[in-house]
Amino acid sequence: MFKKNNFFQNHLSNSKKYSNNFKKTKIIYKSLLLDLENNNIPFLKSFEKNYEFDFSNLLVKNFSRYKNIIIVGIGGSILGTRTIYSFFKSKIKKSVFFFDNLDPNFYLNYKKIKNIKNSCFIVVSKSGNTLETIKNLNLLFPKPLVKNKLAIITELKESSLINLGQKLNAKIIEHKDFIGGRYSVLSEVGMFPAALMNLDLIKFKNLNKLIKNKNFVYSLIKNVSSIYTLYQQGIRNSVILNYDSGLNDLGSWYQQLIGESLGKKGKGIMPIVSTCPKDHHSLMQLYLDGPKDKFFTFFSSYANNRNKIESIINTQCKATKSIFSKKKISFRSFIFNKNDENELGSVFTFFVLEVLLLSRLMNVNPYDQPAVEQIKTETEKLLKLRR
């Protein structure tokens, strides 16, 4: 998947600024490797094969007997798991339902779940006090329904979820305090649900192998230096052109990763997910002939038993790439094998390393989200006034 011709093969390679950024990114990449060796990026431990999960095989076995998996969370606590499920949906035999927003329509969706009693429940909140998550759990799922069938993934400290879990005889799985939500997909947050989906957890873990792979490293450095060069040129809108609906959640996961990690101090890249070929008939005119303030990422997949619709969609994707090349519009392309845990694990690793390198080039902290915390504080204050 990571091939030299997949990444920004347009006009950038002849740019002196790009050449300088390529050299700079190589230096920063080496410093990142040094930090890895010295354990200065602790969350990346969860990307390694020897990472020890805080759940047992027995717990997986007990929860695997249920037909339905119901997952409650928001943002980084659930986007990675949604990506895993949609990526491998064709080979997952269980039904998985996600409740990831405060939405009155969720009650109707909950009512549509067949055989609701044959369900296990996973609730994820790093802090244990996430408003939307706790409200969804309390409002949608009566206590007798979830008792003895609930796993809570949270930090091991006093919180609303810990207190509730004790009353419901829930299994508490530790959310490590050094792993932020948007970086948690290969930790307990994403891997416990993946285990219940009967996926191979070890195959997701490719970090040590990938950072020694010349094609991967070259693609990563080329990719990051290209994006940063475009950023310096004022091209700061990153548009994903997605030609496979099963990759929509991957786009949303990437969107949060980029937006929340880099959007600081007046800096940042605006991530936009565009559904194709539908958006050929609404936004493509703007993309091709509007302001030159965007770069593009094509998402598509290999089809094992390609039908006529898939064949047409792939042809449209190829045609669009051809026109982008002719117009010298900067883009990169990912074509996914959606039947391989190694593949998705490598993609998660690639994009996370991309963000870490970009954050160092842009001189921003990729781990916090101080502006969002202001909204949480203001919301709590207004809710107290209503009581």
Protein backbone atom coordinates (compact mmCIF):
# COMPACT_ATOMS: atom_id res chain seq x y z
CA MET A 1 0.00 0.00 0.00
CA PHE A 2 2.82 2.43 0.79
CA LYS A 3 4.34 2.93 -2.64
CA LYS A 4 6.44 5.76 -3.95
CA ASN A 5 3.89 6.67 -6.60
CA ASN A 6 1.07 7.02 -4.05
CA PHE A 7 2.20 10.27 -2.53
CA PHE A 8 2.15 13.76 -4.01
CA GLN A 9 3.75 13.10 -7.39
CA ASN A 10 2.77 16.49 -8.77
CA HIS A 11 4.67 19.76 -9.01
CA LEU A 12 6.08 19.79 -5.47
CA SER A 13 9.13 17.61 -6.11
CA ASN A 14 10.83 20.39 -8.10
CA SER A 15 10.27 22.96 -5.35
CA LYS A 16 13.30 24.17 -3.37
CA LYS A 17 11.06 24.67 -0.34
CA TYR A 18 9.90 21.05 -0.58
CA SER A 19 13.50 19.86 -0.85
CA ASN A 20 14.45 21.78 2.29
CA ASN A 21 11.38 20.46 4.13
CA PHE A 22 12.20 16.91 3.09
CA LYS A 23 15.66 17.24 4.70
CA LYS A 24 14.13 18.89 7.77
CA THR A 25 11.51 16.14 8.13
CA LYS A 26 14.20 13.45 7.93
CA ILE A 27 16.01 15.10 10.84
CA ILE A 28 12.80 15.39 12.86
CA TYR A 29 11.95 11.77 12.10
CA LYS A 30 15.31 10.70 13.54
CA SER A 31 14.59 12.71 16.69
CA LEU A 32 11.20 11.00 16.92
CA LEU A 33 12.91 7.59 16.72
CA LEU A 34 15.24 8.66 19.51
CA ASP A 35 12.24 9.65 21.62
CA LEU A 36 10.72 6.25 20.91
CA GLU A 37 13.88 4.49 22.11
CA ASN A 38 13.85 6.57 25.30
CA ASN A 39 10.11 5.95 25.91
CA ASN A 40 9.33 9.67 25.58
CA ILE A 41 6.17 8.99 23.55
CA PRO A 42 4.45 6.61 25.97
CA PHE A 43 1.15 6.17 24.11
CA LEU A 44 3.02 4.50 21.24
CA LYS A 45 3.63 1.53 23.56
CA SER A 46 0.12 0.45 22.60
CA PHE A 47 1.25 0.22 18.96
CA GLU A 48 3.81 -2.47 19.84
CA LYS A 49 3.17 -6.22 19.89
CA ASN A 50 4.39 -6.62 23.47
CA TYR A 51 1.85 -4.17 24.90
CA GLU A 52 -0.08 -5.87 27.72
CA PHE A 53 -3.85 -5.34 27.68
CA ASP A 54 -5.81 -4.82 30.87
CA PHE A 55 -8.35 -7.49 29.97
CA SER A 56 -8.12 -11.26 30.10
CA ASN A 57 -8.94 -13.95 27.56
CA LEU A 58 -11.61 -15.15 29.99
CA LEU A 59 -13.32 -11.76 29.92
CA VAL A 60 -13.25 -11.80 26.10
CA LYS A 61 -14.71 -15.31 26.14
CA ASN A 62 -17.51 -14.35 28.55
CA PHE A 63 -18.50 -11.27 26.56
CA SER A 64 -18.17 -13.04 23.20
CA ARG A 65 -21.20 -15.23 23.90
CA TYR A 66 -23.51 -12.27 23.26
CA LYS A 67 -24.90 -11.71 19.78
CA ASN A 68 -24.90 -7.90 19.94
CA ILE A 69 -22.16 -5.51 21.03
CA ILE A 70 -23.41 -2.07 22.09
CA ILE A 71 -20.70 0.58 22.43
CA VAL A 72 -21.23 3.96 24.09
CA GLY A 73 -18.64 6.73 23.84
CA ILE A 74 -17.79 9.88 21.93
CA GLY A 75 -14.86 11.26 19.92
CA GLY A 76 -11.60 9.38 20.28
CA SER A 77 -13.24 6.92 22.66
CA ILE A 78 -15.25 5.40 19.82
CA LEU A 79 -14.10 6.61 16.39
CA GLY A 80 -11.29 4.06 16.17
CA THR A 81 -13.62 1.19 17.04
CA ARG A 82 -16.14 2.37 14.46
CA THR A 83 -13.34 2.37 11.89
CA ILE A 84 -12.34 -1.19 12.78
CA TYR A 85 -15.92 -2.44 12.55
CA SER A 86 -16.73 -0.77 9.23
CA PHE A 87 -13.37 -1.80 7.74
CA PHE A 88 -13.93 -5.49 8.53
CA LYS A 89 -17.73 -5.57 8.56
CA SER A 90 -17.98 -8.22 5.85
CA LYS A 91 -16.20 -10.79 8.02
CA ILE A 92 -17.60 -9.84 11.45
CA LYS A 93 -20.50 -12.08 12.43
CA LYS A 94 -21.78 -10.04 15.35
CA SER A 95 -24.01 -6.98 15.19
CA VAL A 96 -22.32 -3.88 16.61
CA PHE A 97 -24.21 -0.69 17.52
CA PHE A 98 -22.61 2.65 18.31
CA PHE A 99 -24.04 5.46 20.43
CA ASP A 100 -21.63 8.34 19.97
CA ASN A 101 -23.57 11.59 20.25
CA LEU A 102 -26.41 13.16 22.17
CA ASP A 103 -29.19 12.62 19.66
CA PRO A 104 -32.95 12.17 20.30
CA ASN A 105 -33.06 9.72 17.38
CA PHE A 106 -30.78 7.33 19.25
CA TYR A 107 -33.76 6.19 21.30
CA LEU A 108 -35.47 5.05 18.10
CA ASN A 109 -32.32 3.25 16.96
CA TYR A 110 -32.07 1.54 20.32
CA LYS A 111 -35.62 0.28 19.92
CA LYS A 112 -34.68 -1.30 16.57
CA ILE A 113 -31.99 -3.56 18.06
CA LYS A 114 -33.20 -7.12 17.72
CA ASN A 115 -32.93 -9.39 20.73
CA ILE A 116 -31.63 -6.55 22.92
CA LYS A 117 -31.33 -8.91 25.89
CA ASN A 118 -28.64 -10.86 24.03
CA SER A 119 -26.30 -7.88 24.14
CA CYS A 120 -23.15 -6.90 26.00
CA PHE A 121 -22.27 -3.27 26.63
CA ILE A 122 -18.97 -1.39 26.41
CA VAL A 123 -18.76 2.17 27.71
CA VAL A 124 -15.62 4.21 27.06
CA SER A 125 -14.60 7.48 28.68
CA LYS A 126 -11.01 8.28 29.61
CA SER A 127 -12.00 10.72 32.36
CA GLY A 128 -15.05 8.73 33.45
CA ASN A 129 -17.05 11.96 33.50
CA THR A 130 -17.84 12.60 29.83
CA LEU A 131 -21.27 14.22 29.80
CA GLU A 132 -22.61 12.77 26.54
CA THR A 133 -21.44 9.24 27.32
CA ILE A 134 -22.92 9.12 30.81
CA LYS A 135 -26.24 10.62 29.69
CA ASN A 136 -26.58 8.10 26.84
CA LEU A 137 -25.88 5.21 29.20
CA ASN A 138 -28.37 6.41 31.79
CA LEU A 139 -31.13 7.49 29.40
CA LEU A 140 -31.03 4.67 26.84
CA PHE A 141 -30.18 1.54 28.76
CA PRO A 142 -32.08 0.60 31.95
CA LYS A 143 -29.91 -0.72 34.76
CA PRO A 144 -31.41 -4.27 34.80
CA LEU A 145 -30.52 -4.63 31.10
CA VAL A 146 -26.81 -3.81 31.47
CA LYS A 147 -26.13 -5.29 34.91
CA ASN A 148 -23.50 -8.05 34.78
CA LYS A 149 -23.03 -7.45 31.02
CA LEU A 150 -21.18 -4.14 31.13
CA ALA A 151 -17.48 -3.35 30.57
CA ILE A 152 -16.27 0.15 31.33
CA ILE A 153 -12.97 1.39 29.89
CA THR A 154 -11.81 4.35 31.95
CA GLU A 155 -9.00 5.66 34.12
CA LEU A 156 -8.76 4.02 37.54
CA LYS A 157 -9.76 7.02 39.64
CA GLU A 158 -12.85 8.41 41.29
CA SER A 159 -15.44 9.25 38.61
CA SER A 160 -19.12 9.02 37.73
CA LEU A 161 -18.53 5.95 35.56
CA ILE A 162 -16.51 4.11 38.20
CA ASN A 163 -19.27 4.74 40.76
CA LEU A 164 -21.95 3.60 38.32
CA GLY A 165 -19.95 0.56 37.31
CA GLN A 166 -19.68 -0.61 40.91
CA LYS A 167 -23.48 -0.53 41.23
CA LEU A 168 -23.92 -2.50 38.00
CA ASN A 169 -21.26 -5.12 38.69
CA ALA A 170 -19.36 -3.90 35.64
CA LYS A 171 -15.94 -5.10 34.57
CA ILE A 172 -13.55 -2.18 34.80
CA ILE A 173 -10.79 -2.08 32.16
CA GLU A 174 -8.07 0.49 32.69
CA HIS A 175 -7.72 3.31 30.19
CA LYS A 176 -4.05 4.18 30.66
CA ASP A 177 -3.63 7.81 31.69
CA PHE A 178 -0.75 8.27 29.21
CA ILE A 179 -2.94 7.39 26.20
CA GLY A 180 -5.13 10.21 24.87
CA GLY A 181 -8.48 9.38 23.32
CA ARG A 182 -7.55 10.09 19.71
CA TYR A 183 -4.42 7.93 20.06
CA SER A 184 -6.19 5.05 21.80
CA VAL A 185 -7.34 2.86 18.91
CA LEU A 186 -4.68 0.15 19.43
CA SER A 187 -5.05 0.18 23.21
CA GLU A 188 -7.85 -1.41 25.25
CA VAL A 189 -10.25 1.15 23.79
CA GLY A 190 -10.20 -0.33 20.29
CA MET A 191 -8.74 -3.76 20.90
CA PHE A 192 -11.23 -5.09 23.49
CA PRO A 193 -14.15 -4.56 21.06
CA ALA A 194 -11.95 -5.93 18.24
CA ALA A 195 -11.35 -9.08 20.30
CA LEU A 196 -15.12 -9.53 20.67
CA MET A 197 -15.36 -9.18 16.87
CA ASN A 198 -12.94 -12.14 16.64
CA LEU A 199 -10.19 -10.11 14.98
CA ASP A 200 -6.46 -10.83 15.40
CA LEU A 201 -5.17 -8.17 17.78
CA ILE A 202 -1.47 -8.92 17.29
CA LYS A 203 -1.72 -8.31 13.54
CA PHE A 204 -2.73 -4.69 14.18
CA LYS A 205 0.59 -4.02 15.92
CA ASN A 206 3.21 -3.07 13.34
CA LEU A 207 5.12 -0.10 14.76
CA ASN A 208 8.54 -1.71 15.28
CA LYS A 209 8.43 -3.41 11.90
CA LEU A 210 7.19 -0.36 10.00
CA ILE A 211 9.81 2.09 11.28
CA LYS A 212 12.43 -0.27 9.81
CA ASN A 213 10.62 -0.56 6.46
CA LYS A 214 12.32 1.70 3.87
CA ASN A 215 9.19 2.12 1.71
CA PHE A 216 7.07 3.03 4.73
CA VAL A 217 9.61 5.52 6.08
CA TYR A 218 10.22 7.12 2.68
CA SER A 219 6.48 7.45 2.09
CA LEU A 220 5.96 8.95 5.54
CA ILE A 221 8.72 11.55 5.17
CA LYS A 222 7.68 12.43 1.61
CA ASN A 223 4.06 12.71 2.70
CA VAL A 224 4.75 14.92 5.72
CA SER A 225 7.21 17.21 3.92
CA SER A 226 4.69 17.63 1.07
CA ILE A 227 1.84 18.53 3.43
CA TYR A 228 4.04 20.98 5.33
CA THR A 229 5.20 22.62 2.09
CA LEU A 230 1.57 23.03 1.02
CA TYR A 231 0.76 24.40 4.48
CA GLN A 232 3.49 27.02 4.10
CA GLN A 233 1.98 27.97 0.73
CA GLY A 234 -1.39 28.63 2.40
CA ILE A 235 -2.95 25.37 1.17
CA ARG A 236 -4.45 24.26 4.48
CA ASN A 237 -7.63 22.35 3.62
CA SER A 238 -7.17 18.57 3.54
CA VAL A 239 -10.00 16.90 1.61
CA ILE A 240 -10.51 13.14 1.69
CA LEU A 241 -12.21 11.93 -1.48
CA ASN A 242 -13.71 8.65 -0.32
CA TYR A 243 -14.81 6.11 -2.95
CA ASP A 244 -15.83 3.36 -0.51
CA SER A 245 -18.58 3.91 2.08
CA GLY A 246 -16.88 1.32 4.30
CA LEU A 247 -14.06 3.82 4.76
CA ASN A 248 -16.22 6.71 5.97
CA ASP A 249 -15.38 6.01 9.61
CA LEU A 250 -11.66 5.92 8.83
CA GLY A 251 -12.11 9.39 7.35
CA SER A 252 -13.86 10.57 10.54
CA TRP A 253 -11.10 9.08 12.72
CA TYR A 254 -8.46 10.86 10.63
CA GLN A 255 -10.49 14.05 10.73
CA GLN A 256 -10.43 14.15 14.54
CA LEU A 257 -6.76 13.18 14.67
CA ILE A 258 -5.73 16.08 12.41
CA GLY A 259 -8.20 18.66 13.71
CA GLU A 260 -7.71 18.14 17.43
CA SER A 261 -3.95 17.54 17.32
CA LEU A 262 -2.84 20.40 15.08
CA GLY A 263 -5.51 23.09 15.54
CA LYS A 264 -3.65 25.27 18.06
CA LYS A 265 -2.39 28.86 18.35
CA GLY A 266 -3.94 29.98 15.07
CA LYS A 267 -2.34 27.05 13.24
CA GLY A 268 -3.86 23.89 11.84
CA ILE A 269 -5.16 22.00 8.83
CA MET A 270 -8.88 21.77 8.10
CA PRO A 271 -9.81 18.09 7.45
CA ILE A 272 -12.87 17.54 5.23
CA VAL A 273 -14.42 14.19 4.28
CA SER A 274 -16.13 14.13 0.89
CA THR A 275 -18.30 11.20 -0.25
CA CYS A 276 -17.71 10.14 -3.84
CA PRO A 277 -18.92 9.73 -6.51
CA LYS A 278 -21.92 11.59 -5.01
CA ASP A 279 -19.89 14.75 -4.50
CA HIS A 280 -18.86 14.71 -8.16
CA HIS A 281 -22.26 16.33 -8.65
CA SER A 282 -21.98 18.97 -5.95
CA LEU A 283 -18.46 19.81 -4.76
CA MET A 284 -16.15 18.54 -7.50
CA GLN A 285 -16.61 21.69 -9.59
CA LEU A 286 -15.29 23.68 -6.62
CA TYR A 287 -12.44 21.25 -6.02
CA LEU A 288 -11.29 21.42 -9.64
CA ASP A 289 -11.95 25.04 -10.52
CA GLY A 290 -12.33 26.91 -7.23
CA PRO A 291 -9.74 28.40 -4.87
CA LYS A 292 -6.41 26.56 -4.89
CA ASP A 293 -6.36 26.20 -1.11
CA LYS A 294 -6.86 22.42 -0.85
CA PHE A 295 -4.89 19.21 -1.16
CA PHE A 296 -6.57 15.83 -1.54
CA THR A 297 -6.40 12.25 -0.30
CA PHE A 298 -8.10 9.50 -2.30
CA PHE A 299 -9.54 6.56 -0.34
CA SER A 300 -10.59 3.46 -2.28
CA SER A 301 -10.34 -0.31 -1.87
CA TYR A 302 -9.57 -3.46 -3.79
CA ALA A 303 -12.70 -5.47 -4.63
CA ASN A 304 -12.25 -9.25 -4.51
CA ASN A 305 -15.47 -10.01 -6.37
CA ARG A 306 -15.93 -6.81 -8.26
CA ASN A 307 -19.51 -6.12 -9.33
CA LYS A 308 -20.65 -3.62 -11.91
CA ILE A 309 -21.24 -0.82 -9.40
CA GLU A 310 -17.79 -1.24 -7.82
CA SER A 311 -16.22 -1.31 -11.26
CA ILE A 312 -17.91 1.95 -12.23
CA ILE A 313 -16.88 3.62 -8.95
CA ASN A 314 -13.25 2.56 -9.35
CA THR A 315 -13.27 3.87 -12.92
CA GLN A 316 -14.61 7.21 -11.69
CA CYS A 317 -11.87 7.30 -9.07
CA LYS A 318 -9.17 6.66 -11.68
CA ALA A 319 -10.65 9.29 -13.98
CA THR A 320 -10.67 11.87 -11.18
CA LYS A 321 -7.03 11.18 -10.35
CA SER A 322 -6.16 11.62 -14.01
CA ILE A 323 -7.84 15.03 -14.17
CA PHE A 324 -6.21 16.11 -10.91
CA SER A 325 -2.82 15.20 -12.37
CA LYS A 326 -3.50 17.15 -15.55
CA LYS A 327 -4.54 20.19 -13.53
CA LYS A 328 -1.52 19.82 -11.21
CA ILE A 329 -3.71 19.58 -8.12
CA SER A 330 -1.78 18.00 -5.25
CA PHE A 331 -3.09 14.64 -4.08
CA ARG A 332 -2.11 11.32 -2.59
CA SER A 333 -3.83 7.96 -2.91
CA PHE A 334 -4.54 5.01 -0.60
CA ILE A 335 -6.00 1.77 -1.95
CA PHE A 336 -6.96 -0.54 0.93
CA ASN A 337 -7.21 -4.29 1.33
CA LYS A 338 -10.17 -4.43 3.71
CA ASN A 339 -9.59 -8.00 4.84
CA ASP A 340 -6.28 -7.61 6.63
CA GLU A 341 -5.62 -6.43 10.20
CA ASN A 342 -1.99 -5.72 9.26
CA GLU A 343 -3.22 -3.25 6.66
CA LEU A 344 -5.47 -1.23 8.98
CA GLY A 345 -2.89 -1.30 11.77
CA SER A 346 -0.31 0.10 9.36
CA VAL A 347 -2.71 2.85 8.31
CA PHE A 348 -3.39 3.84 11.93
CA THR A 349 0.37 3.92 12.56
CA PHE A 350 1.10 5.93 9.43
CA PHE A 351 -1.43 8.67 10.17
CA VAL A 352 -0.43 8.93 13.84
CA LEU A 353 3.24 9.31 12.94
CA GLU A 354 2.21 11.82 10.27
CA VAL A 355 0.53 13.96 12.92
CA LEU A 356 3.44 13.73 15.34
CA LEU A 357 5.90 14.86 12.67
CA LEU A 358 3.63 17.66 11.46
CA SER A 359 3.17 18.88 15.04
CA ARG A 360 6.93 19.18 15.42
CA LEU A 361 7.25 21.05 12.13
CA MET A 362 4.39 23.37 13.13
CA ASN A 363 5.59 23.70 16.74
CA VAL A 364 2.29 22.74 18.39
CA ASN A 365 1.45 20.32 21.20
CA PRO A 366 -0.32 17.32 19.58
CA TYR A 367 -1.65 15.93 22.86
CA ASP A 368 -3.91 18.59 24.38
CA GLN A 369 -7.16 20.33 23.37
CA PRO A 370 -7.38 23.40 25.65
CA ALA A 371 -10.07 25.23 23.68
CA VAL A 372 -12.46 22.28 23.92
CA GLU A 373 -11.96 22.17 27.68
CA GLN A 374 -13.34 25.72 27.84
CA ILE A 375 -16.65 24.53 26.34
CA LYS A 376 -16.88 21.68 28.85
CA THR A 377 -16.39 24.10 31.74
CA GLU A 378 -18.96 26.56 30.37
CA THR A 379 -21.49 23.75 29.80
CA GLU A 380 -21.14 22.52 33.39
CA LYS A 381 -21.64 26.06 34.67
CA LEU A 382 -24.83 26.57 32.62
CA LEU A 383 -26.25 23.18 33.60
CA LYS A 384 -25.75 24.00 37.28
CA LEU A 385 -27.72 27.24 36.80
CA ARG A 386 -30.65 25.24 35.40
CA ARG A 387 -30.89 22.98 38.46
